[in-house]
Amino acid sequence: MSRHPQAALEIQRRRRRWRQWPWGPIALGLALLAVSGVFAVGMLFGAGMRPSSAGGPVVNLMPFVIALAVAEVLTISAGFFAAVLGWRLNRGRVTAALAMVLLSLWAGILLHDLL
């Protein structure tokens, strides 16, 4: 047994603090952030559609597309993770379910042509 039970309780409280976070609204925010990535995709496609005789320097957009794809994958996976935590820990079940539906639809739209 520890000599300082208060210190042990404080350490245990610090470890479990993340369980008190509102995981459902966090998941919904991540889902909305992932869906808003379509605006960035539209801007990249719009930038790539200019005529080649524009006279300006040609910009390679592939690094931006790869960075956006990595950001989408990370945001969608973090949203799924937060939605599962929100559902299992009972920290915003309705918003977690809404986020799960929104993320599932968005992932289905993104993966539609690949499958």
Protein backbone atom coordinates (compact mmCIF):
# COMPACT_ATOMS: atom_id res chain seq x y z
CA MET A 1 0.00 0.00 0.00
CA SER A 2 1.21 3.48 -0.76
CA ARG A 3 2.29 5.84 2.00
CA HIS A 4 0.50 8.73 0.31
CA PRO A 5 -3.02 7.69 -0.70
CA GLN A 6 -3.93 11.24 -1.77
CA ALA A 7 -1.07 11.33 -4.26
CA ALA A 8 -2.15 7.98 -5.69
CA LEU A 9 -5.73 9.23 -6.05
CA GLU A 10 -4.53 12.39 -7.79
CA ILE A 11 -2.49 10.35 -10.27
CA GLN A 12 -5.51 8.15 -10.95
CA ARG A 13 -7.70 11.24 -11.51
CA ARG A 14 -5.18 12.67 -13.97
CA ARG A 15 -5.15 9.44 -15.95
CA ARG A 16 -8.94 9.35 -16.32
CA ARG A 17 -9.50 13.01 -17.14
CA TRP A 18 -9.86 12.30 -20.88
CA ARG A 19 -12.92 10.14 -20.16
CA GLN A 20 -14.83 13.25 -19.11
CA TRP A 21 -14.36 15.01 -22.44
CA PRO A 22 -17.49 15.52 -24.59
CA TRP A 23 -16.58 12.90 -27.21
CA GLY A 24 -19.87 13.12 -29.13
CA PRO A 25 -19.56 16.83 -30.02
CA ILE A 26 -15.85 16.32 -30.73
CA ALA A 27 -16.76 13.57 -33.20
CA LEU A 28 -19.40 15.76 -34.83
CA GLY A 29 -16.89 18.60 -35.17
CA LEU A 30 -14.37 16.28 -36.80
CA ALA A 31 -17.06 14.97 -39.15
CA LEU A 32 -17.98 18.48 -40.22
CA LEU A 33 -14.30 19.30 -40.66
CA ALA A 34 -13.85 16.24 -42.89
CA VAL A 35 -16.87 17.11 -45.00
CA SER A 36 -15.70 20.71 -45.36
CA GLY A 37 -12.58 19.34 -47.05
CA VAL A 38 -14.65 19.22 -50.23
CA PHE A 39 -14.22 23.00 -50.45
CA ALA A 40 -10.44 22.58 -50.51
CA VAL A 41 -10.76 19.87 -53.17
CA GLY A 42 -12.89 22.21 -55.28
CA MET A 43 -10.33 24.97 -54.94
CA LEU A 44 -7.53 22.61 -56.01
CA PHE A 45 -9.48 21.38 -59.02
CA GLY A 46 -10.34 24.95 -59.93
CA ALA A 47 -6.68 25.93 -59.72
CA GLY A 48 -5.69 23.01 -61.93
CA MET A 49 -8.23 23.84 -64.67
CA ARG A 50 -6.68 27.06 -65.90
CA PRO A 51 -5.57 27.13 -69.52
CA SER A 52 -1.96 26.18 -70.18
CA SER A 53 -1.39 29.34 -72.22
CA ALA A 54 -2.09 31.59 -69.23
CA GLY A 55 1.50 32.81 -69.26
CA GLY A 56 2.01 32.29 -65.53
CA PRO A 57 4.25 29.72 -63.91
CA VAL A 58 2.93 26.18 -63.79
CA VAL A 59 2.35 25.01 -60.23
CA ASN A 60 2.51 21.33 -59.36
CA LEU A 61 -0.63 20.62 -57.31
CA MET A 62 0.16 16.98 -56.51
CA PRO A 63 1.77 17.71 -53.08
CA PHE A 64 -1.33 19.66 -52.08
CA VAL A 65 -3.62 16.83 -53.19
CA ILE A 66 -1.56 14.29 -51.23
CA ALA A 67 -1.55 16.51 -48.14
CA LEU A 68 -5.32 16.93 -48.41
CA ALA A 69 -5.83 13.17 -48.79
CA VAL A 70 -3.69 12.49 -45.70
CA ALA A 71 -5.61 15.14 -43.75
CA GLU A 72 -8.93 13.58 -44.81
CA VAL A 73 -7.83 10.10 -43.74
CA LEU A 74 -6.61 11.36 -40.36
CA THR A 75 -9.74 13.44 -39.76
CA ILE A 76 -12.12 10.64 -40.72
CA SER A 77 -10.31 8.06 -38.60
CA ALA A 78 -10.14 10.43 -35.61
CA GLY A 79 -13.85 11.16 -36.07
CA PHE A 80 -14.71 7.46 -36.04
CA PHE A 81 -12.55 6.96 -32.95
CA ALA A 82 -14.17 9.89 -31.13
CA ALA A 83 -17.66 8.69 -32.12
CA VAL A 84 -16.99 5.24 -30.71
CA LEU A 85 -15.65 6.77 -27.48
CA GLY A 86 -18.67 9.06 -27.25
CA TRP A 87 -21.01 6.12 -27.69
CA ARG A 88 -19.24 3.72 -25.32
CA LEU A 89 -18.53 6.25 -22.57
CA ASN A 90 -22.02 7.77 -22.88
CA ARG A 91 -20.60 11.23 -23.52
CA GLY A 92 -22.91 12.60 -26.21
CA ARG A 93 -24.53 9.55 -27.76
CA VAL A 94 -26.83 11.47 -30.11
CA THR A 95 -24.07 13.60 -31.57
CA ALA A 96 -21.77 10.56 -31.75
CA ALA A 97 -24.41 8.65 -33.73
CA LEU A 98 -24.95 11.64 -36.03
CA ALA A 99 -21.19 11.93 -36.55
CA MET A 100 -20.93 8.22 -37.31
CA VAL A 101 -23.66 8.47 -39.94
CA LEU A 102 -22.10 11.57 -41.49
CA LEU A 103 -18.61 10.03 -41.53
CA SER A 104 -19.90 6.77 -42.98
CA LEU A 105 -21.67 8.60 -45.78
CA TRP A 106 -18.62 10.77 -46.46
CA ALA A 107 -16.24 7.78 -46.49
CA GLY A 108 -18.66 5.99 -48.84
CA ILE A 109 -18.67 8.96 -51.20
CA LEU A 110 -14.88 9.17 -51.18
CA LEU A 111 -14.36 5.43 -51.67
CA HIS A 112 -17.14 4.96 -54.22
CA ASP A 113 -14.88 5.10 -57.26
CA LEU A 114 -12.12 3.04 -55.70
CA LEU A 115 -14.29 0.02 -54.92
